[in-house]
Amino acid sequence: MDAPVKTPFSRRARKALETRRCVLDAAEALFTRDGYAATTMTAIADQADVAVQTLYAIFGNKRALLTELIDARVVGDDHAGSLPDREAWQAMEGETDSRRQIALFAAIATRIGSRSAAINEVLAAAAGADAEIAAVYEQQRQYRYRDERRLARSLARKGALRAGLSETQAADIIWAIATTHTYRALVGDRQWTADQYEHWLADLLARALLIERSG
């Protein structure tokens, strides 16, 4: 079968996607180097080699740009939708073995950490001085809790949680441990490898959440 004809619209769409990626990369570089407050839309446009009007047309304002950047780094692609829409997350939720399920979650959390830890530090720092960014920061925290509670709910439905541990407590434990701040502390500051972090996270969560294996 012949390849589909490249239409002018598809070329425009591809160009728009490339421009968006370029802008997000430029914004990430400047935000992490100079901080959110000190980075202007003009500086981002210059870094991305686009007109500043293009930035406003795509994102509206700097806060929305930061929000889209974080969303893109969390999910790891250019498509709309939340983390649970992704194939890796759905495979994790569909896993019937609880320890394997936690290992798959740890792999997802590690990849998220590698993509988003630096920009999340920028968000957390900016939240202390900007009420609108503080709202974005809190929203991101709530999104993460919502997603991680899905894992806790799945484990609870399997009857896999330790005796006396509720679904809410399990979700709280996952939320407290599986953070990008922990990833940055161990991988960024203490120079663990990503594999070391992933295996540590999986082991810690399994020990904290699951019924102990007999024998």
Protein backbone atom coordinates (compact mmCIF):
# COMPACT_ATOMS: atom_id res chain seq x y z
CA MET A 1 0.00 0.00 0.00
CA ASP A 2 1.27 3.45 -0.89
CA ALA A 3 2.09 5.83 1.95
CA PRO A 4 -0.59 8.43 2.58
CA VAL A 5 -0.20 11.66 0.68
CA LYS A 6 1.27 14.45 2.77
CA THR A 7 -1.35 17.16 2.64
CA PRO A 8 -0.63 20.85 3.30
CA PHE A 9 -2.69 20.53 6.49
CA SER A 10 -0.63 17.62 7.76
CA ARG A 11 2.54 19.59 7.03
CA ARG A 12 1.16 22.57 8.91
CA ALA A 13 0.15 20.37 11.82
CA ARG A 14 3.59 18.78 11.90
CA LYS A 15 5.24 22.20 11.81
CA ALA A 16 3.00 23.42 14.64
CA LEU A 17 3.95 20.39 16.73
CA GLU A 18 7.65 20.95 16.07
CA THR A 19 7.29 24.61 17.08
CA ARG A 20 5.50 23.64 20.29
CA ARG A 21 8.22 21.14 21.19
CA CYS A 22 10.91 23.71 20.47
CA VAL A 23 9.21 26.29 22.68
CA LEU A 24 8.73 23.83 25.54
CA ASP A 25 12.39 22.79 25.36
CA ALA A 26 13.48 26.43 25.34
CA ALA A 27 11.21 27.28 28.26
CA GLU A 28 12.49 24.32 30.27
CA ALA A 29 16.10 25.32 29.68
CA LEU A 30 15.49 28.91 30.79
CA PHE A 31 13.18 28.11 33.69
CA THR A 32 15.66 25.64 35.16
CA ARG A 33 18.60 27.98 34.61
CA ASP A 34 17.12 31.34 35.58
CA GLY A 35 13.94 30.52 37.50
CA TYR A 36 10.33 31.14 36.59
CA ALA A 37 10.04 34.79 37.62
CA ALA A 38 13.22 35.90 35.86
CA THR A 39 12.35 34.20 32.58
CA THR A 40 10.35 36.34 30.17
CA MET A 41 8.25 35.26 27.24
CA THR A 42 10.56 37.30 25.02
CA ALA A 43 13.57 35.35 26.28
CA ILE A 44 11.80 32.06 25.60
CA ALA A 45 10.87 33.21 22.11
CA ASP A 46 14.47 34.21 21.41
CA GLN A 47 15.74 30.87 22.71
CA ALA A 48 13.23 29.00 20.55
CA ASP A 49 13.86 31.28 17.55
CA VAL A 50 10.19 32.15 17.14
CA ALA A 51 8.24 35.38 17.36
CA VAL A 52 7.00 36.22 20.83
CA GLN A 53 3.52 36.62 19.34
CA THR A 54 3.70 32.93 18.44
CA LEU A 55 4.16 32.04 22.11
CA TYR A 56 1.13 34.03 23.14
CA ALA A 57 -0.91 32.53 20.29
CA ILE A 58 -0.03 28.96 21.34
CA PHE A 59 -0.02 29.22 25.13
CA GLY A 60 -1.72 32.48 26.10
CA ASN A 61 0.65 33.40 28.93
CA LYS A 62 3.74 32.24 30.81
CA ARG A 63 1.80 30.42 33.52
CA ALA A 64 -0.08 28.36 30.92
CA LEU A 65 3.20 27.61 29.17
CA LEU A 66 4.70 26.29 32.42
CA THR A 67 1.59 24.20 33.05
CA GLU A 68 1.72 22.64 29.59
CA LEU A 69 5.44 22.00 29.98
CA ILE A 70 4.89 20.10 33.22
CA ASP A 71 1.97 18.14 31.76
CA ALA A 72 4.07 17.15 28.74
CA ARG A 73 6.98 16.02 30.90
CA VAL A 74 4.73 13.95 33.14
CA VAL A 75 3.00 12.01 30.35
CA GLY A 76 6.08 11.92 28.12
CA ASP A 77 4.43 12.66 24.79
CA ASP A 78 2.61 15.33 22.79
CA HIS A 79 -0.89 13.90 23.03
CA ALA A 80 -3.77 15.20 25.08
CA GLY A 81 -5.03 13.26 28.06
CA SER A 82 -3.84 12.29 31.50
CA LEU A 83 -1.29 9.76 32.70
CA PRO A 84 -3.85 6.93 33.17
CA ASP A 85 -4.66 7.22 29.44
CA ARG A 86 -1.16 6.03 28.56
CA GLU A 87 -0.42 2.46 27.53
CA ALA A 88 2.21 1.90 30.23
CA TRP A 89 -0.18 3.00 32.97
CA GLN A 90 -2.99 0.83 31.62
CA ALA A 91 -0.65 -2.16 31.50
CA MET A 92 0.31 -1.48 35.11
CA GLU A 93 -3.32 -1.26 36.22
CA GLY A 94 -4.15 -4.45 34.35
CA GLU A 95 -1.37 -6.47 35.98
CA THR A 96 -2.79 -9.18 38.25
CA ASP A 97 0.36 -9.84 40.29
CA SER A 98 0.60 -7.16 42.98
CA ARG A 99 4.39 -7.10 43.25
CA ARG A 100 4.76 -6.94 39.51
CA GLN A 101 2.16 -4.15 39.48
CA ILE A 102 4.22 -2.13 41.95
CA ALA A 103 7.36 -2.78 39.90
CA LEU A 104 5.61 -1.44 36.80
CA PHE A 105 4.46 1.60 38.75
CA ALA A 106 8.02 2.20 39.97
CA ALA A 107 9.23 2.11 36.37
CA ILE A 108 6.61 4.70 35.39
CA ALA A 109 7.48 6.91 38.38
CA THR A 110 11.18 6.70 37.53
CA ARG A 111 10.58 7.82 33.96
CA ILE A 112 8.40 10.67 35.20
CA GLY A 113 11.15 11.69 37.60
CA SER A 114 13.76 11.71 34.86
CA ARG A 115 11.59 13.93 32.67
CA SER A 116 10.00 16.26 35.20
CA ALA A 117 12.05 16.48 38.41
CA ALA A 118 13.95 19.59 37.35
CA ILE A 119 10.92 21.55 36.17
CA ASN A 120 8.94 20.49 39.24
CA GLU A 121 11.65 22.08 41.39
CA VAL A 122 11.11 25.29 39.43
CA LEU A 123 7.36 25.05 40.01
CA ALA A 124 7.77 24.44 43.74
CA ALA A 125 10.16 27.38 44.11
CA ALA A 126 7.92 29.74 42.14
CA ALA A 127 4.84 28.71 44.12
CA GLY A 128 6.21 30.39 47.23
CA ALA A 129 6.14 33.82 45.62
CA ASP A 130 3.28 33.67 43.10
CA ALA A 131 -0.30 32.83 44.07
CA GLU A 132 -1.26 31.73 40.57
CA ILE A 133 1.72 29.39 40.36
CA ALA A 134 0.91 28.13 43.85
CA ALA A 135 -2.50 27.11 42.49
CA VAL A 136 -0.83 25.29 39.59
CA TYR A 137 1.52 23.56 42.04
CA GLU A 138 -1.35 22.39 44.22
CA GLN A 139 -3.30 21.22 41.18
CA GLN A 140 -0.33 19.13 40.04
CA ARG A 141 -0.06 17.60 43.51
CA GLN A 142 -3.75 16.70 43.44
CA TYR A 143 -3.42 15.17 39.97
CA ARG A 144 -0.56 13.00 41.21
CA TYR A 145 -2.54 11.88 44.26
CA ARG A 146 -5.55 11.08 42.09
CA ASP A 147 -3.45 8.91 39.79
CA GLU A 148 -1.55 7.18 42.58
CA ARG A 149 -4.76 6.43 44.44
CA ARG A 150 -5.75 4.32 41.45
CA LEU A 151 -2.85 1.99 42.26
CA ALA A 152 -3.87 1.85 45.93
CA ARG A 153 -7.45 1.06 44.91
CA SER A 154 -6.30 -1.71 42.59
CA LEU A 155 -4.18 -3.29 45.33
CA ALA A 156 -7.03 -3.01 47.82
CA ARG A 157 -9.46 -4.71 45.46
CA LYS A 158 -7.03 -7.61 45.09
CA GLY A 159 -6.85 -7.99 48.85
CA ALA A 160 -3.11 -7.37 48.60
CA LEU A 161 -2.68 -4.64 51.22
CA ARG A 162 -1.10 -5.33 54.58
CA ALA A 163 -3.47 -6.06 57.46
CA GLY A 164 -4.94 -2.86 58.86
CA LEU A 165 -3.83 -0.71 55.91
CA SER A 166 -6.71 1.11 54.25
CA GLU A 167 -6.88 2.19 50.62
CA THR A 168 -6.51 5.82 51.70
CA GLN A 169 -3.47 5.06 53.82
CA ALA A 170 -1.92 3.11 50.95
CA ALA A 171 -2.53 6.05 48.60
CA ASP A 172 -0.97 8.41 51.13
CA ILE A 173 2.14 6.22 51.39
CA ILE A 174 2.57 6.07 47.62
CA TRP A 175 2.03 9.84 47.37
CA ALA A 176 4.60 10.55 50.09
CA ILE A 177 7.30 8.25 48.72
CA ALA A 178 7.03 8.34 44.92
CA THR A 179 7.86 12.01 44.41
CA THR A 180 10.04 13.79 41.90
CA HIS A 181 11.77 15.45 44.85
CA THR A 182 12.91 12.03 46.08
CA TYR A 183 14.04 11.15 42.56
CA ARG A 184 16.04 14.36 42.32
CA ALA A 185 17.57 13.85 45.78
CA LEU A 186 18.78 10.33 45.04
CA VAL A 187 19.50 10.42 41.31
CA GLY A 188 20.43 14.09 40.97
CA ASP A 189 22.13 14.82 44.28
CA ARG A 190 23.35 11.40 45.44
CA GLN A 191 24.11 10.15 41.92
CA TRP A 192 22.12 6.95 42.02
CA THR A 193 21.39 5.43 38.64
CA ALA A 194 17.81 5.43 37.42
CA ASP A 195 17.79 1.63 37.69
CA GLN A 196 18.92 1.79 41.32
CA TYR A 197 16.16 4.27 42.09
CA GLU A 198 13.52 2.22 40.31
CA HIS A 199 14.41 -0.99 42.16
CA TRP A 200 14.63 0.82 45.50
CA LEU A 201 11.23 2.42 44.98
CA ALA A 202 9.61 -0.87 43.98
CA ASP A 203 11.10 -2.67 46.98
CA LEU A 204 10.16 0.08 49.44
CA LEU A 205 6.58 0.31 48.22
CA ALA A 206 6.15 -3.46 48.24
CA ARG A 207 7.43 -3.65 51.81
CA ALA A 208 5.23 -0.76 52.93
CA LEU A 209 2.03 -1.82 51.21
CA LEU A 210 1.78 -5.53 50.60
CA ILE A 211 1.02 -8.58 52.67
CA GLU A 212 4.27 -10.34 53.48
CA ARG A 213 4.99 -13.44 51.47
CA SER A 214 4.71 -16.64 53.43
CA GLY A 215 7.78 -18.83 53.64
